[in-house]
Amino acid sequence: MEKQLYKLSRKIGKAATMVNDVKTLASGDPKRIAKRLMNKQTYKASHGGANKLARKITKNLWK
C-alpha cells in the first residue's frame, strides 16, 4: 500500500510541475519563463547531489 501511495504522489507532483511549465510558457512573459527555467535548473542541481549522497549512505547502511 505504501509503495502505491508513494508512486501516486510522485505522479501527481510531476503532473503539477508539467501544468506549471505549460502555464508559464502560455503566459508569454519572458521574465517569468526565464525565472521558471532558472528555478528548475537550480532545483535539479541542488537535489541531484543530495540524492546521490543519500543513496550512498543508504547503500552502506543496508550492507
N, C-alpha and C. Protein backbone atom coordinates (compact mmCIF):
# COMPACT_ATOMS: atom_id res chain seq x y z
N MET A 1 0.82 -1.19 0.00
CA MET A 1 0.00 0.00 0.00
C MET A 1 0.87 1.27 0.00
N GLU A 2 1.97 1.26 0.77
CA GLU A 2 2.83 2.44 0.86
C GLU A 2 3.49 2.75 -0.48
N LYS A 3 3.91 1.71 -1.19
CA LYS A 3 4.57 1.93 -2.49
C LYS A 3 3.60 2.56 -3.48
N GLN A 4 2.34 2.10 -3.47
CA GLN A 4 1.36 2.65 -4.39
C GLN A 4 1.08 4.12 -4.08
N LEU A 5 1.00 4.46 -2.79
CA LEU A 5 0.77 5.85 -2.41
C LEU A 5 1.96 6.72 -2.78
N TYR A 6 3.15 6.19 -2.61
CA TYR A 6 4.36 6.92 -2.97
C TYR A 6 4.37 7.19 -4.47
N LYS A 7 4.10 6.15 -5.27
CA LYS A 7 4.09 6.31 -6.73
C LYS A 7 3.01 7.30 -7.16
N LEU A 8 1.85 7.23 -6.53
CA LEU A 8 0.77 8.15 -6.85
C LEU A 8 1.16 9.59 -6.54
N SER A 9 1.78 9.80 -5.39
CA SER A 9 2.18 11.16 -5.01
C SER A 9 3.25 11.69 -5.97
N ARG A 10 4.15 10.83 -6.42
CA ARG A 10 5.18 11.25 -7.39
C ARG A 10 4.53 11.65 -8.72
N LYS A 11 3.56 10.84 -9.17
CA LYS A 11 2.88 11.15 -10.43
C LYS A 11 2.11 12.46 -10.33
N ILE A 12 1.45 12.69 -9.20
CA ILE A 12 0.71 13.94 -9.01
C ILE A 12 1.67 15.12 -9.00
N GLY A 13 2.80 14.97 -8.34
CA GLY A 13 3.79 16.04 -8.31
C GLY A 13 4.35 16.35 -9.68
N LYS A 14 4.64 15.31 -10.45
CA LYS A 14 5.16 15.52 -11.81
C LYS A 14 4.11 16.17 -12.71
N ALA A 15 2.85 15.76 -12.54
CA ALA A 15 1.78 16.38 -13.33
C ALA A 15 1.62 17.85 -12.98
N ALA A 16 1.72 18.18 -11.70
CA ALA A 16 1.62 19.57 -11.27
C ALA A 16 2.77 20.40 -11.83
N THR A 17 3.96 19.83 -11.86
CA THR A 17 5.12 20.53 -12.42
C THR A 17 4.90 20.79 -13.91
N MET A 18 4.39 19.80 -14.61
CA MET A 18 4.14 19.95 -16.04
C MET A 18 3.08 21.04 -16.30
N VAL A 19 2.03 21.04 -15.51
CA VAL A 19 0.99 22.06 -15.66
C VAL A 19 1.58 23.45 -15.42
N ASN A 20 2.43 23.56 -14.41
CA ASN A 20 3.07 24.84 -14.11
C ASN A 20 3.96 25.29 -15.27
N ASP A 21 4.68 24.34 -15.87
CA ASP A 21 5.53 24.67 -17.02
C ASP A 21 4.69 25.18 -18.19
N VAL A 22 3.61 24.49 -18.49
CA VAL A 22 2.73 24.88 -19.60
C VAL A 22 2.12 26.25 -19.32
N LYS A 23 1.69 26.46 -18.10
CA LYS A 23 1.09 27.74 -17.72
C LYS A 23 2.10 28.87 -17.88
N THR A 24 3.34 28.62 -17.48
CA THR A 24 4.39 29.62 -17.60
C THR A 24 4.68 29.93 -19.06
N LEU A 25 4.80 28.90 -19.89
CA LEU A 25 5.05 29.12 -21.32
C LEU A 25 3.88 29.82 -22.00
N ALA A 26 2.67 29.46 -21.61
CA ALA A 26 1.48 30.06 -22.21
C ALA A 26 1.34 31.54 -21.85
N SER A 27 1.92 31.94 -20.73
CA SER A 27 1.83 33.34 -20.33
C SER A 27 2.55 34.25 -21.32
N GLY A 28 3.61 33.73 -21.95
CA GLY A 28 4.37 34.51 -22.91
C GLY A 28 5.27 35.57 -22.29
N ASP A 29 5.32 35.60 -20.97
CA ASP A 29 6.14 36.59 -20.27
C ASP A 29 7.59 36.09 -20.21
N PRO A 30 8.51 36.75 -20.93
CA PRO A 30 9.89 36.26 -20.96
C PRO A 30 10.57 36.24 -19.60
N LYS A 31 10.24 37.19 -18.73
CA LYS A 31 10.84 37.20 -17.40
C LYS A 31 10.37 35.99 -16.59
N ARG A 32 9.09 35.69 -16.68
CA ARG A 32 8.53 34.55 -15.95
C ARG A 32 9.11 33.23 -16.47
N ILE A 33 9.24 33.12 -17.80
CA ILE A 33 9.79 31.91 -18.41
C ILE A 33 11.25 31.72 -17.98
N ALA A 34 12.03 32.80 -18.01
CA ALA A 34 13.43 32.72 -17.59
C ALA A 34 13.56 32.34 -16.12
N LYS A 35 12.69 32.92 -15.30
CA LYS A 35 12.72 32.62 -13.86
C LYS A 35 12.39 31.14 -13.61
N ARG A 36 11.38 30.63 -14.33
CA ARG A 36 10.99 29.22 -14.17
C ARG A 36 12.13 28.29 -14.59
N LEU A 37 12.77 28.61 -15.70
CA LEU A 37 13.88 27.80 -16.19
C LEU A 37 15.03 27.81 -15.18
N MET A 38 15.34 28.98 -14.66
CA MET A 38 16.43 29.09 -13.69
C MET A 38 16.11 28.29 -12.42
N ASN A 39 14.86 28.39 -11.95
CA ASN A 39 14.46 27.66 -10.74
C ASN A 39 14.55 26.14 -10.95
N LYS A 40 14.14 25.67 -12.12
CA LYS A 40 14.20 24.23 -12.39
C LYS A 40 15.64 23.73 -12.42
N GLN A 41 16.53 24.52 -13.06
CA GLN A 41 17.93 24.12 -13.14
C GLN A 41 18.58 24.13 -11.75
N THR A 42 18.27 25.12 -10.95
CA THR A 42 18.80 25.21 -9.59
C THR A 42 18.32 24.03 -8.76
N TYR A 43 17.04 23.70 -8.86
CA TYR A 43 16.46 22.59 -8.11
C TYR A 43 17.14 21.27 -8.50
N LYS A 44 17.30 21.04 -9.80
CA LYS A 44 17.93 19.80 -10.25
C LYS A 44 19.36 19.69 -9.76
N ALA A 45 20.09 20.78 -9.82
CA ALA A 45 21.50 20.77 -9.40
C ALA A 45 21.63 20.51 -7.90
N SER A 46 20.80 21.17 -7.12
CA SER A 46 20.93 21.03 -5.67
C SER A 46 20.44 19.67 -5.18
N HIS A 47 19.38 19.15 -5.77
CA HIS A 47 18.84 17.88 -5.30
C HIS A 47 19.56 16.68 -5.87
N GLY A 48 20.24 16.86 -6.99
CA GLY A 48 21.00 15.75 -7.58
C GLY A 48 22.11 15.29 -6.66
N GLY A 49 22.86 16.23 -6.10
CA GLY A 49 23.95 15.89 -5.18
C GLY A 49 23.44 15.31 -3.88
N ALA A 50 22.35 15.86 -3.38
CA ALA A 50 21.78 15.37 -2.12
C ALA A 50 21.24 13.96 -2.29
N ASN A 51 20.60 13.69 -3.40
CA ASN A 51 20.07 12.35 -3.65
C ASN A 51 21.19 11.34 -3.81
N LYS A 52 22.25 11.72 -4.47
CA LYS A 52 23.39 10.82 -4.67
C LYS A 52 24.01 10.46 -3.32
N LEU A 53 24.16 11.45 -2.45
CA LEU A 53 24.71 11.22 -1.13
C LEU A 53 23.79 10.32 -0.30
N ALA A 54 22.50 10.57 -0.37
CA ALA A 54 21.54 9.76 0.39
C ALA A 54 21.57 8.30 -0.07
N ARG A 55 21.70 8.08 -1.39
CA ARG A 55 21.78 6.70 -1.90
C ARG A 55 23.03 6.00 -1.38
N LYS A 56 24.15 6.71 -1.34
CA LYS A 56 25.39 6.12 -0.84
C LYS A 56 25.25 5.74 0.62
N ILE A 57 24.68 6.62 1.42
CA ILE A 57 24.51 6.35 2.85
C ILE A 57 23.59 5.16 3.06
N THR A 58 22.47 5.15 2.34
CA THR A 58 21.50 4.05 2.48
C THR A 58 22.13 2.73 2.06
N LYS A 59 22.87 2.76 0.98
CA LYS A 59 23.52 1.54 0.49
C LYS A 59 24.48 0.99 1.53
N ASN A 60 25.25 1.87 2.16
CA ASN A 60 26.21 1.42 3.17
C ASN A 60 25.54 0.95 4.44
N LEU A 61 24.39 1.50 4.78
CA LEU A 61 23.68 1.09 5.98
C LEU A 61 23.10 -0.32 5.84
N TRP A 62 22.67 -0.68 4.64
CA TRP A 62 22.00 -1.96 4.44
C TRP A 62 22.91 -3.07 3.95
N LYS A 63 24.21 -2.85 4.03
CA LYS A 63 25.16 -3.92 3.63
C LYS A 63 25.19 -5.02 4.65
